[in-house]
PDB file of N, CA and C in Angstrom:
ATOM      1  N   MET A   1       0.817  -1.167  -0.004  1.00  0.00           N
ATOM      2  CA  MET A   1      -0.001  -0.037   0.009  1.00  0.00           C
ATOM      3  C   MET A   1       0.881   1.239   0.013  1.00  0.00           C
ATOM      4  N   ALA A   2       0.575   2.166  -0.888  1.00  0.00           N
ATOM      5  CA  ALA A   2       1.402   3.357  -1.045  1.00  0.00           C
ATOM      6  C   ALA A   2       0.903   4.483   0.015  1.00  0.00           C
ATOM      7  N   ALA A   3       1.787   5.383   0.194  1.00  0.00           N
ATOM      8  CA  ALA A   3       1.399   6.545   1.046  1.00  0.00           C
ATOM      9  C   ALA A   3       1.705   7.860   0.355  1.00  0.00           C
ATOM     10  N   TYR A   4       0.972   8.860   0.671  1.00  0.00           N
ATOM     11  CA  TYR A   4       1.207  10.180   0.081  1.00  0.00           C
ATOM     12  C   TYR A   4       1.817  11.103   1.076  1.00  0.00           C
ATOM     13  N   VAL A   5       2.832  11.884   0.653  1.00  0.00           N
ATOM     14  CA  VAL A   5       3.437  12.921   1.506  1.00  0.00           C
ATOM     15  C   VAL A   5       3.319  14.234   0.808  1.00  0.00           C
ATOM     16  N   THR A   6       2.748  15.252   1.508  1.00  0.00           N
ATOM     17  CA  THR A   6       2.666  16.566   0.972  1.00  0.00           C
ATOM     18  C   THR A   6       3.616  17.458   1.686  1.00  0.00           C
ATOM     19  N   PHE A   7       4.356  18.225   0.834  1.00  0.00           N
ATOM     20  CA  PHE A   7       5.450  19.108   1.411  1.00  0.00           C
ATOM     21  C   PHE A   7       4.954  20.546   1.330  1.00  0.00           C
ATOM     22  N   LEU A   8       4.927  21.188   2.515  1.00  0.00           N
ATOM     23  CA  LEU A   8       4.483  22.655   2.410  1.00  0.00           C
ATOM     24  C   LEU A   8       5.773  23.432   2.706  1.00  0.00           C
ATOM     25  N   PRO A   9       5.962  24.636   2.248  1.00  0.00           N
ATOM     26  CA  PRO A   9       5.070  25.548   1.573  1.00  0.00           C
ATOM     27  C   PRO A   9       4.980  25.251   0.029  1.00  0.00           C
ATOM     28  N   ASP A  10       5.800  24.302  -0.506  1.00  0.00           N
ATOM     29  CA  ASP A  10       5.780  24.122  -1.936  1.00  0.00           C
ATOM     30  C   ASP A  10       4.440  23.370  -2.427  1.00  0.00           C
ATOM     31  N   ASN A  11       3.775  22.845  -1.534  1.00  0.00           N
ATOM     32  CA  ASN A  11       2.525  22.076  -1.904  1.00  0.00           C
ATOM     33  C   ASN A  11       2.809  20.922  -2.875  1.00  0.00           C
ATOM     34  N   LYS A  12       3.931  20.305  -2.748  1.00  0.00           N
ATOM     35  CA  LYS A  12       4.329  19.101  -3.657  1.00  0.00           C
ATOM     36  C   LYS A  12       3.806  17.846  -2.901  1.00  0.00           C
ATOM     37  N   LYS A  13       3.195  17.006  -3.695  1.00  0.00           N
ATOM     38  CA  LYS A  13       2.669  15.763  -3.224  1.00  0.00           C
ATOM     39  C   LYS A  13       3.373  14.636  -3.932  1.00  0.00           C
ATOM     40  N   ILE A  14       3.797  13.597  -3.202  1.00  0.00           N
ATOM     41  CA  ILE A  14       4.445  12.366  -3.844  1.00  0.00           C
ATOM     42  C   ILE A  14       4.019  11.153  -3.153  1.00  0.00           C
ATOM     43  N   GLN A  15       4.014  10.135  -3.962  1.00  0.00           N
ATOM     44  CA  GLN A  15       3.648   8.818  -3.532  1.00  0.00           C
ATOM     45  C   GLN A  15       4.961   8.070  -3.189  1.00  0.00           C
ATOM     46  N   VAL A  16       4.930   7.445  -1.980  1.00  0.00           N
ATOM     47  CA  VAL A  16       6.157   6.643  -1.625  1.00  0.00           C
ATOM     48  C   VAL A  16       5.675   5.320  -0.977  1.00  0.00           C
ATOM     49  N   HIS A  17       6.596   4.447  -0.717  1.00  0.00           N
ATOM     50  CA  HIS A  17       6.397   3.165  -0.075  1.00  0.00           C
ATOM     51  C   HIS A  17       6.490   3.414   1.372  1.00  0.00           C
ATOM     52  N   PRO A  18       5.658   2.767   2.192  1.00  0.00           N
ATOM     53  CA  PRO A  18       5.809   2.820   3.652  1.00  0.00           C
ATOM     54  C   PRO A  18       7.232   2.399   3.999  1.00  0.00           C
ATOM     55  N   GLY A  19       7.739   3.071   5.066  1.00  0.00           N
ATOM     56  CA  GLY A  19       9.147   2.767   5.507  1.00  0.00           C
ATOM     57  C   GLY A  19      10.101   3.800   4.981  1.00  0.00           C
ATOM     58  N   THR A  20       9.722   4.517   3.946  1.00  0.00           N
ATOM     59  CA  THR A  20      10.595   5.634   3.409  1.00  0.00           C
ATOM     60  C   THR A  20      10.672   6.680   4.443  1.00  0.00           C
ATOM     61  N   THR A  21      11.852   7.310   4.561  1.00  0.00           N
ATOM     62  CA  THR A  21      11.919   8.456   5.510  1.00  0.00           C
ATOM     63  C   THR A  21      11.381   9.691   4.839  1.00  0.00           C
ATOM     64  N   VAL A  22      11.010  10.667   5.596  1.00  0.00           N
ATOM     65  CA  VAL A  22      10.586  11.957   5.035  1.00  0.00           C
ATOM     66  C   VAL A  22      11.659  12.595   4.253  1.00  0.00           C
ATOM     67  N   LEU A  23      12.929  12.465   4.649  1.00  0.00           N
ATOM     68  CA  LEU A  23      14.062  12.958   3.853  1.00  0.00           C
ATOM     69  C   LEU A  23      14.150  12.303   2.525  1.00  0.00           C
ATOM     70  N   GLY A  24      13.994  10.945   2.487  1.00  0.00           N
ATOM     71  CA  GLY A  24      13.985  10.223   1.268  1.00  0.00           C
ATOM     72  C   GLY A  24      12.861  10.561   0.375  1.00  0.00           C
ATOM     73  N   ALA A  25      11.613  10.840   0.889  1.00  0.00           N
ATOM     74  CA  ALA A  25      10.597  11.290   0.066  1.00  0.00           C
ATOM     75  C   ALA A  25      10.788  12.645  -0.447  1.00  0.00           C
ATOM     76  N   ALA A  26      11.389  13.571   0.298  1.00  0.00           N
ATOM     77  CA  ALA A  26      11.720  14.865  -0.129  1.00  0.00           C
ATOM     78  C   ALA A  26      12.663  14.827  -1.378  1.00  0.00           C
ATOM     79  N   ALA A  27      13.676  14.001  -1.193  1.00  0.00           N
ATOM     80  CA  ALA A  27      14.652  13.857  -2.353  1.00  0.00           C
ATOM     81  C   ALA A  27      13.946  13.302  -3.597  1.00  0.00           C
ATOM     82  N   LYS A  28      13.015  12.378  -3.431  1.00  0.00           N
ATOM     83  CA  LYS A  28      12.324  11.870  -4.575  1.00  0.00           C
ATOM     84  C   LYS A  28      11.416  12.968  -5.245  1.00  0.00           C
ATOM     85  N   ALA A  29      10.877  13.828  -4.428  1.00  0.00           N
ATOM     86  CA  ALA A  29      10.011  14.925  -4.860  1.00  0.00           C
ATOM     87  C   ALA A  29      10.753  16.163  -5.322  1.00  0.00           C
ATOM     88  N   LYS A  30      12.085  16.064  -5.157  1.00  0.00           N
ATOM     89  CA  LYS A  30      13.040  17.189  -5.464  1.00  0.00           C
ATOM     90  C   LYS A  30      12.605  18.458  -4.602  1.00  0.00           C
ATOM     91  N   VAL A  31      12.323  18.116  -3.365  1.00  0.00           N
ATOM     92  CA  VAL A  31      12.108  19.208  -2.376  1.00  0.00           C
ATOM     93  C   VAL A  31      13.289  19.195  -1.474  1.00  0.00           C
ATOM     94  N   HIS A  32      13.928  20.399  -1.297  1.00  0.00           N
ATOM     95  CA  HIS A  32      15.141  20.502  -0.545  1.00  0.00           C
ATOM     96  C   HIS A  32      14.853  20.642   0.961  1.00  0.00           C
ATOM     97  N   ILE A  33      15.490  19.750   1.668  1.00  0.00           N
ATOM     98  CA  ILE A  33      15.518  19.761   3.131  1.00  0.00           C
ATOM     99  C   ILE A  33      16.955  19.795   3.603  1.00  0.00           C
ATOM    100  N   ARG A  34      17.323  20.787   4.345  1.00  0.00           N
ATOM    101  CA  ARG A  34      18.742  20.989   4.735  1.00  0.00           C
ATOM    102  C   ARG A  34      19.211  19.742   5.617  1.00  0.00           C
ATOM    103  N   THR A  35      20.420  19.337   5.319  1.00  0.00           N
ATOM    104  CA  THR A  35      20.996  18.285   6.089  1.00  0.00           C
ATOM    105  C   THR A  35      22.548  18.382   5.901  1.00  0.00           C
ATOM    106  N   ARG A  36      23.330  17.931   6.897  1.00  0.00           N
ATOM    107  CA  ARG A  36      24.753  18.015   6.744  1.00  0.00           C
ATOM    108  C   ARG A  36      25.320  16.611   7.126  1.00  0.00           C
ATOM    109  N   CYS A  37      24.621  15.802   7.806  1.00  0.00           N
ATOM    110  CA  CYS A  37      25.146  14.586   8.383  1.00  0.00           C
ATOM    111  C   CYS A  37      24.834  13.318   7.569  1.00  0.00           C
ATOM    112  N   GLY A  38      24.154  13.533   6.438  1.00  0.00           N
ATOM    113  CA  GLY A  38      23.855  12.324   5.667  1.00  0.00           C
ATOM    114  C   GLY A  38      22.765  11.449   6.260  1.00  0.00           C
ATOM    115  N   GLY A  39      21.867  12.013   7.062  1.00  0.00           N
ATOM    116  CA  GLY A  39      20.721  11.193   7.569  1.00  0.00           C
ATOM    117  C   GLY A  39      21.046  10.464   8.861  1.00  0.00           C
ATOM    118  N   LYS A  40      22.014  10.869   9.591  1.00  0.00           N
ATOM    119  CA  LYS A  40      22.431  10.154  10.860  1.00  0.00           C
ATOM    120  C   LYS A  40      21.815  10.834  12.133  1.00  0.00           C
ATOM    121  N   ALA A  41      21.059  11.846  11.951  1.00  0.00           N
ATOM    122  CA  ALA A  41      20.451  12.570  13.075  1.00  0.00           C
ATOM    123  C   ALA A  41      21.499  13.255  13.945  1.00  0.00           C
ATOM    124  N   ALA A  42      22.601  13.626  13.355  1.00  0.00           N
ATOM    125  CA  ALA A  42      23.723  14.252  14.091  1.00  0.00           C
ATOM    126  C   ALA A  42      23.636  15.798  13.901  1.00  0.00           C
ATOM    127  N   CYS A  43      23.175  16.371  12.805  1.00  0.00           N
ATOM    128  CA  CYS A  43      23.165  17.799  12.612  1.00  0.00           C
ATOM    129  C   CYS A  43      21.946  18.501  13.046  1.00  0.00           C
ATOM    130  N   LEU A  44      20.838  17.853  13.204  1.00  0.00           N
ATOM    131  CA  LEU A  44      19.508  18.397  13.515  1.00  0.00           C
ATOM    132  C   LEU A  44      19.025  19.488  12.639  1.00  0.00           C
ATOM    133  N   MET A  45      19.541  19.496  11.364  1.00  0.00           N
ATOM    134  CA  MET A  45      19.136  20.507  10.446  1.00  0.00           C
ATOM    135  C   MET A  45      17.854  20.163   9.702  1.00  0.00           C
ATOM    136  N   CYS A  46      17.441  18.937   9.675  1.00  0.00           N
ATOM    137  CA  CYS A  46      16.371  18.379   8.867  1.00  0.00           C
ATOM    138  C   CYS A  46      15.042  18.436   9.634  1.00  0.00           C
ATOM    139  N   LYS A  47      14.833  19.317  10.572  1.00  0.00           N
ATOM    140  CA  LYS A  47      13.569  19.401  11.307  1.00  0.00           C
ATOM    141  C   LYS A  47      12.418  19.737  10.381  1.00  0.00           C
ATOM    142  N   VAL A  48      11.369  19.066  10.455  1.00  0.00           N
ATOM    143  CA  VAL A  48      10.095  19.398   9.731  1.00  0.00           C
ATOM    144  C   VAL A  48       9.041  19.510  10.811  1.00  0.00           C
ATOM    145  N   ILE A  49       7.905  20.078  10.371  1.00  0.00           N
ATOM    146  CA  ILE A  49       6.751  20.179  11.316  1.00  0.00           C
ATOM    147  C   ILE A  49       5.606  19.304  10.682  1.00  0.00           C
ATOM    148  N   VAL A  50       5.117  18.391  11.515  1.00  0.00           N
ATOM    149  CA  VAL A  50       4.017  17.604  11.028  1.00  0.00           C
ATOM    150  C   VAL A  50       2.761  18.440  11.103  1.00  0.00           C
ATOM    151  N   GLN A  51       2.037  18.578  10.004  1.00  0.00           N
ATOM    152  CA  GLN A  51       0.841  19.405   9.945  1.00  0.00           C
ATOM    153  C   GLN A  51      -0.428  18.583  10.128  1.00  0.00           C
ATOM    154  N   SER A  52      -0.536  17.444   9.402  1.00  0.00           N
ATOM    155  CA  SER A  52      -1.770  16.634   9.525  1.00  0.00           C
ATOM    156  C   SER A  52      -1.335  15.216   9.062  1.00  0.00           C
ATOM    157  N   GLY A  53      -2.264  14.290   9.456  1.00  0.00           N
ATOM    158  CA  GLY A  53      -2.113  12.979   9.154  1.00  0.00           C
ATOM    159  C   GLY A  53      -1.273  12.215  10.222  1.00  0.00           C
ATOM    160  N   ALA A  54      -1.613  11.020  10.444  1.00  0.00           N
ATOM    161  CA  ALA A  54      -0.912  10.220  11.430  1.00  0.00           C
ATOM    162  C   ALA A  54      -0.010   9.230  10.717  1.00  0.00           C
ATOM    163  N   GLY A  55       0.494   9.705   9.583  1.00  0.00           N
ATOM    164  CA  GLY A  55       1.176   8.716   8.722  1.00  0.00           C
ATOM    165  C   GLY A  55       2.721   8.649   9.016  1.00  0.00           C
ATOM    166  N   LEU A  56       3.143   8.815  10.262  1.00  0.00           N
ATOM    167  CA  LEU A  56       4.525   8.626  10.540  1.00  0.00           C
ATOM    168  C   LEU A  56       4.648   7.681  11.778  1.00  0.00           C
ATOM    169  N   ALA A  57       5.680   6.832  11.687  1.00  0.00           N
ATOM    170  CA  ALA A  57       5.900   5.954  12.766  1.00  0.00           C
ATOM    171  C   ALA A  57       6.365   6.695  14.018  1.00  0.00           C
ATOM    172  N   GLU A  58       6.209   6.155  15.146  1.00  0.00           N
ATOM    173  CA  GLU A  58       6.635   6.749  16.396  1.00  0.00           C
ATOM    174  C   GLU A  58       8.107   7.107  16.354  1.00  0.00           C
ATOM    175  N   PRO A  59       8.517   8.183  16.918  1.00  0.00           N
ATOM    176  CA  PRO A  59       9.924   8.479  16.947  1.00  0.00           C
ATOM    177  C   PRO A  59      10.788   7.406  17.547  1.00  0.00           C
ATOM    178  N   ASN A  60      11.916   7.172  16.892  1.00  0.00           N
ATOM    179  CA  ASN A  60      12.788   6.119  17.512  1.00  0.00           C
ATOM    180  C   ASN A  60      13.626   6.734  18.600  1.00  0.00           C
ATOM    181  N   HIS A  61      14.371   5.897  19.299  1.00  0.00           N
ATOM    182  CA  HIS A  61      15.146   6.287  20.456  1.00  0.00           C
ATOM    183  C   HIS A  61      16.128   7.446  20.040  1.00  0.00           C
ATOM    184  N   ASN A  62      16.729   7.309  18.882  1.00  0.00           N
ATOM    185  CA  ASN A  62      17.784   8.279  18.574  1.00  0.00           C
ATOM    186  C   ASN A  62      17.086   9.664  18.328  1.00  0.00           C
ATOM    187  N   GLU A  63      15.920   9.676  17.678  1.00  0.00           N
ATOM    188  CA  GLU A  63      15.206  10.936  17.434  1.00  0.00           C
ATOM    189  C   GLU A  63      14.713  11.548  18.664  1.00  0.00           C
ATOM    190  N   ARG A  64      14.156  10.679  19.582  1.00  0.00           N
ATOM    191  CA  ARG A  64      13.688  11.245  20.868  1.00  0.00           C
ATOM    192  C   ARG A  64      14.847  11.869  21.709  1.00  0.00           C
ATOM    193  N   MET A  65      16.062  11.219  21.702  1.00  0.00           N
ATOM    194  CA  MET A  65      17.196  11.718  22.409  1.00  0.00           C
ATOM    195  C   MET A  65      17.638  13.088  21.831  1.00  0.00           C
ATOM    196  N   LYS A  66      17.588  13.218  20.509  1.00  0.00           N
ATOM    197  CA  LYS A  66      18.098  14.429  19.876  1.00  0.00           C
ATOM    198  C   LYS A  66      17.057  15.588  20.008  1.00  0.00           C
ATOM    199  N   LEU A  67      15.731  15.295  19.831  1.00  0.00           N
ATOM    200  CA  LEU A  67      14.763  16.354  19.809  1.00  0.00           C
ATOM    201  C   LEU A  67      14.224  16.655  21.189  1.00  0.00           C
ATOM    202  N   GLY A  68      14.110  15.631  22.036  1.00  0.00           N
ATOM    203  CA  GLY A  68      13.463  15.853  23.285  1.00  0.00           C
ATOM    204  C   GLY A  68      11.944  15.834  23.107  1.00  0.00           C
ATOM    205  N   THR A  69      11.214  15.732  24.216  1.00  0.00           N
ATOM    206  CA  THR A  69       9.754  15.633  24.094  1.00  0.00           C
ATOM    207  C   THR A  69       9.107  16.929  23.774  1.00  0.00           C
ATOM    208  N   SER A  70       9.686  18.109  24.166  1.00  0.00           N
ATOM    209  CA  SER A  70       9.109  19.377  23.878  1.00  0.00           C
ATOM    210  C   SER A  70       8.985  19.579  22.305  1.00  0.00           C
ATOM    211  N   ALA A  71       9.971  19.187  21.606  1.00  0.00           N
ATOM    212  CA  ALA A  71       9.946  19.419  20.162  1.00  0.00           C
ATOM    213  C   ALA A  71       8.944  18.499  19.488  1.00  0.00           C
ATOM    214  N   GLU A  72       8.882  17.257  20.031  1.00  0.00           N
ATOM    215  CA  GLU A  72       7.890  16.343  19.492  1.00  0.00           C
ATOM    216  C   GLU A  72       6.477  16.835  19.844  1.00  0.00           C
ATOM    217  N   ASP A  73       6.292  17.350  20.978  1.00  0.00           N
ATOM    218  CA  ASP A  73       4.944  17.940  21.277  1.00  0.00           C
ATOM    219  C   ASP A  73       4.550  19.106  20.389  1.00  0.00           C
ATOM    220  N   GLY A  74       5.543  19.831  19.910  1.00  0.00           N
ATOM    221  CA  GLY A  74       5.332  20.907  18.984  1.00  0.00           C
ATOM    222  C   GLY A  74       5.152  20.478  17.513  1.00  0.00           C
ATOM    223  N   GLY A  75       5.229  19.177  17.299  1.00  0.00           N
ATOM    224  CA  GLY A  75       4.993  18.601  15.942  1.00  0.00           C
ATOM    225  C   GLY A  75       6.309  18.499  15.186  1.00  0.00           C
ATOM    226  N   PHE A  76       7.398  18.812  15.830  1.00  0.00           N
ATOM    227  CA  PHE A  76       8.690  18.641  15.099  1.00  0.00           C
ATOM    228  C   PHE A  76       9.164  17.252  15.041  1.00  0.00           C
ATOM    229  N   ARG A  77       9.752  16.942  13.872  1.00  0.00           N
ATOM    230  CA  ARG A  77      10.354  15.551  13.674  1.00  0.00           C
ATOM    231  C   ARG A  77      11.669  15.735  12.837  1.00  0.00           C
ATOM    232  N   LEU A  78      12.556  14.795  12.890  1.00  0.00           N
ATOM    233  CA  LEU A  78      13.684  14.771  12.091  1.00  0.00           C
ATOM    234  C   LEU A  78      13.362  14.105  10.790  1.00  0.00           C
ATOM    235  N   ALA A  79      13.473  14.735   9.613  1.00  0.00           N
ATOM    236  CA  ALA A  79      13.118  14.128   8.338  1.00  0.00           C
ATOM    237  C   ALA A  79      13.965  12.934   7.998  1.00  0.00           C
ATOM    238  N   CYS A  80      15.148  12.876   8.562  1.00  0.00           N
ATOM    239  CA  CYS A  80      16.025  11.739   8.317  1.00  0.00           C
ATOM    240  C   CYS A  80      15.687  10.468   9.152  1.00  0.00           C
ATOM    241  N   GLN A  81      14.937  10.706  10.115  1.00  0.00           N
ATOM    242  CA  GLN A  81      14.482   9.542  11.047  1.00  0.00           C
ATOM    243  C   GLN A  81      13.058   9.211  10.997  1.00  0.00           C
ATOM    244  N   ALA A  82      12.217  10.145  10.615  1.00  0.00           N
ATOM    245  CA  ALA A  82      10.729   9.884  10.567  1.00  0.00           C
ATOM    246  C   ALA A  82      10.348   9.049   9.376  1.00  0.00           C
ATOM    247  N   LYS A  83       9.860   7.809   9.722  1.00  0.00           N
ATOM    248  CA  LYS A  83       9.481   6.885   8.718  1.00  0.00           C
ATOM    249  C   LYS A  83       8.002   6.999   8.359  1.00  0.00           C
ATOM    250  N   ILE A  84       7.719   7.016   7.104  1.00  0.00           N
ATOM    251  CA  ILE A  84       6.286   7.190   6.726  1.00  0.00           C
ATOM    252  C   ILE A  84       5.570   5.833   6.771  1.00  0.00           C
ATOM    253  N   THR A  85       4.355   5.906   7.275  1.00  0.00           N
ATOM    254  CA  THR A  85       3.518   4.710   7.439  1.00  0.00           C
ATOM    255  C   THR A  85       2.172   4.885   6.668  1.00  0.00           C
ATOM    256  N   GLY A  86       1.832   6.188   6.377  1.00  0.00           N
ATOM    257  CA  GLY A  86       0.617   6.527   5.760  1.00  0.00           C
ATOM    258  C   GLY A  86       0.667   7.914   5.231  1.00  0.00           C
ATOM    259  N   ASP A  87      -0.441   8.420   4.918  1.00  0.00           N
ATOM    260  CA  ASP A  87      -0.512   9.852   4.294  1.00  0.00           C
ATOM    261  C   ASP A  87      -0.164  10.913   5.422  1.00  0.00           C
ATOM    262  N   VAL A  88       0.583  11.851   5.080  1.00  0.00           N
ATOM    263  CA  VAL A  88       1.062  12.901   5.965  1.00  0.00           C
ATOM    264  C   VAL A  88       1.371  14.186   5.234  1.00  0.00           C
ATOM    265  N   THR A  89       1.246  15.300   5.860  1.00  0.00           N
ATOM    266  CA  THR A  89       1.627  16.536   5.363  1.00  0.00           C
ATOM    267  C   THR A  89       2.605  17.218   6.363  1.00  0.00           C
ATOM    268  N   VAL A  90       3.719  17.672   5.825  1.00  0.00           N
ATOM    269  CA  VAL A  90       4.813  18.267   6.660  1.00  0.00           C
ATOM    270  C   VAL A  90       5.163  19.649   6.116  1.00  0.00           C
ATOM    271  N   THR A  91       5.490  20.569   7.000  1.00  0.00           N
ATOM    272  CA  THR A  91       6.019  21.850   6.525  1.00  0.00           C
ATOM    273  C   THR A  91       7.528  21.868   6.770  1.00  0.00           C
ATOM    274  N   ILE A  92       8.233  22.391   5.774  1.00  0.00           N
ATOM    275  CA  ILE A  92       9.666  22.521   5.866  1.00  0.00           C
ATOM    276  C   ILE A  92       9.833  23.924   6.334  1.00  0.00           C
ATOM    277  N   PRO A  93      10.389  24.215   7.447  1.00  0.00           N
ATOM    278  CA  PRO A  93      10.577  25.573   8.037  1.00  0.00           C
ATOM    279  C   PRO A  93      11.580  26.275   7.104  1.00  0.00           C
ATOM    280  N   GLU A  94      11.488  27.659   7.065  1.00  0.00           N
ATOM    281  CA  GLU A  94      12.328  28.428   6.308  1.00  0.00           C
ATOM    282  C   GLU A  94      13.692  28.425   6.922  1.00  0.00           C
ATOM    283  N   ASP A  95      14.703  28.327   6.036  1.00  0.00           N
ATOM    284  CA  ASP A  95      16.112  28.350   6.420  1.00  0.00           C
ATOM    285  C   ASP A  95      16.367  29.698   7.323  1.00  0.00           C
ATOM    286  N   PRO A  96      16.998  29.470   8.451  1.00  0.00           N
ATOM    287  CA  PRO A  96      17.215  30.753   9.193  1.00  0.00           C
ATOM    288  C   PRO A  96      17.995  31.837   8.575  1.00  0.00           C
ATOM    289  N   LEU A  97      18.961  31.538   7.727  1.00  0.00           N
ATOM    290  CA  LEU A  97      19.722  32.584   7.065  1.00  0.00           C
ATOM    291  C   LEU A  97      18.854  33.304   6.024  1.00  0.00           C
ATOM    292  N   LYS A  98      18.032  32.505   5.301  1.00  0.00           N
ATOM    293  CA  LYS A  98      17.197  33.085   4.311  1.00  0.00           C
ATOM    294  C   LYS A  98      16.103  33.981   5.003  1.00  0.00           C
ATOM    295  N   ALA A  99      15.569  33.480   6.154  1.00  0.00           N
ATOM    296  CA  ALA A  99      14.582  34.264   6.914  1.00  0.00           C
ATOM    297  C   ALA A  99      15.228  35.692   7.335  1.00  0.00           C
ATOM    298  N   ALA A 100      16.435  35.563   7.824  1.00  0.00           N
ATOM    299  CA  ALA A 100      17.062  36.882   8.234  1.00  0.00           C
ATOM    300  C   ALA A 100      17.300  37.779   7.049  1.00  0.00           C
ATOM    301  N   ILE A 101      17.662  37.246   5.918  1.00  0.00           N
ATOM    302  CA  ILE A 101      17.921  38.139   4.744  1.00  0.00           C
ATOM    303  C   ILE A 101      16.550  38.638   4.236  1.00  0.00           C
ATOM    304  N   ARG A 102      15.536  37.874   4.274  1.00  0.00           N
ATOM    305  CA  ARG A 102      14.191  38.307   3.857  1.00  0.00           C
ATOM    306  C   ARG A 102      13.667  39.393   4.760  1.00  0.00           C
ATOM    307  N   LYS A 103      13.927  39.254   6.107  1.00  0.00           N
ATOM    308  CA  LYS A 103      13.391  40.282   6.978  1.00  0.00           C
ATOM    309  C   LYS A 103      14.161  41.542   6.859  1.00  0.00           C
ATOM    310  N   GLN A 104      15.527  41.526   6.502  1.00  0.00           N
ATOM    311  CA  GLN A 104      16.297  42.685   6.215  1.00  0.00           C
ATOM    312  C   GLN A 104      15.816  43.405   4.997  1.00  0.00           C
ATOM    313  N   LEU A 105      15.483  42.620   3.899  1.00  0.00           N
ATOM    314  CA  LEU A 105      15.010  43.214   2.686  1.00  0.00           C
ATOM    315  C   LEU A 105      13.628  43.847   2.825  1.00  0.00           C
ATOM    316  N   GLU A 106      12.777  43.176   3.602  1.00  0.00           N
ATOM    317  CA  GLU A 106      11.444  43.808   3.980  1.00  0.00           C
ATOM    318  C   GLU A 106      11.563  45.146   4.751  1.00  0.00           C
ATOM    319  N   GLN A 107      12.480  45.144   5.640  1.00  0.00           N
ATOM    320  CA  GLN A 107      12.774  46.329   6.415  1.00  0.00           C
ATOM    321  C   GLN A 107      13.264  47.464   5.564  1.00  0.00           C
ATOM    322  N   GLN A 108      14.180  47.136   4.609  1.00  0.00           N
ATOM    323  CA  GLN A 108      14.671  48.192   3.655  1.00  0.00           C
ATOM    324  C   GLN A 108      13.525  48.714   2.827  1.00  0.00           C
ATOM    325  N   GLU A 109      12.651  47.839   2.339  1.00  0.00           N
ATOM    326  CA  GLU A 109      11.550  48.240   1.518  1.00  0.00           C
ATOM    327  C   GLU A 109      10.679  49.302   2.291  1.00  0.00           C
ATOM    328  N   GLU A 110      10.383  48.933   3.572  1.00  0.00           N
ATOM    329  CA  GLU A 110       9.613  49.826   4.401  1.00  0.00           C
ATOM    330  C   GLU A 110      10.268  51.229   4.613  1.00  0.00           C
ATOM    331  N   ASP A 111      11.568  51.210   4.673  1.00  0.00           N
ATOM    332  CA  ASP A 111      12.336  52.359   4.979  1.00  0.00           C
ATOM    333  C   ASP A 111      12.386  53.331   3.768  1.00  0.00           C
ATOM    334  N   TRP A 112      12.055  52.782   2.570  1.00  0.00           N
ATOM    335  CA  TRP A 112      12.129  53.593   1.325  1.00  0.00           C
ATOM    336  C   TRP A 112      10.961  54.482   1.324  1.00  0.00           C
TER     337      TRP A 112
END
């Protein structure tokens, strides 16, 4: 049985096999998720926010240790560790550097 993953804000939807990680699904959909460690949960850069659907397996021990329960309660998961079990929608947070640049540009436009 296939599962569908929707990536926001791009609104890209892709069909994957259960057991695929969110990071693997993103690569298949050509959706960029930042990572530096090659999917080993070491860099914590691949955080995504689960929006809807219960289509992810429970966090594994490694993911729980890295994120803690407060991040999990906020809907955060590590894309490299979160395995897809059914339909799910996730948001990829804006890159912090891009967000800072965007805010600076918006401020400059307001000052004009």
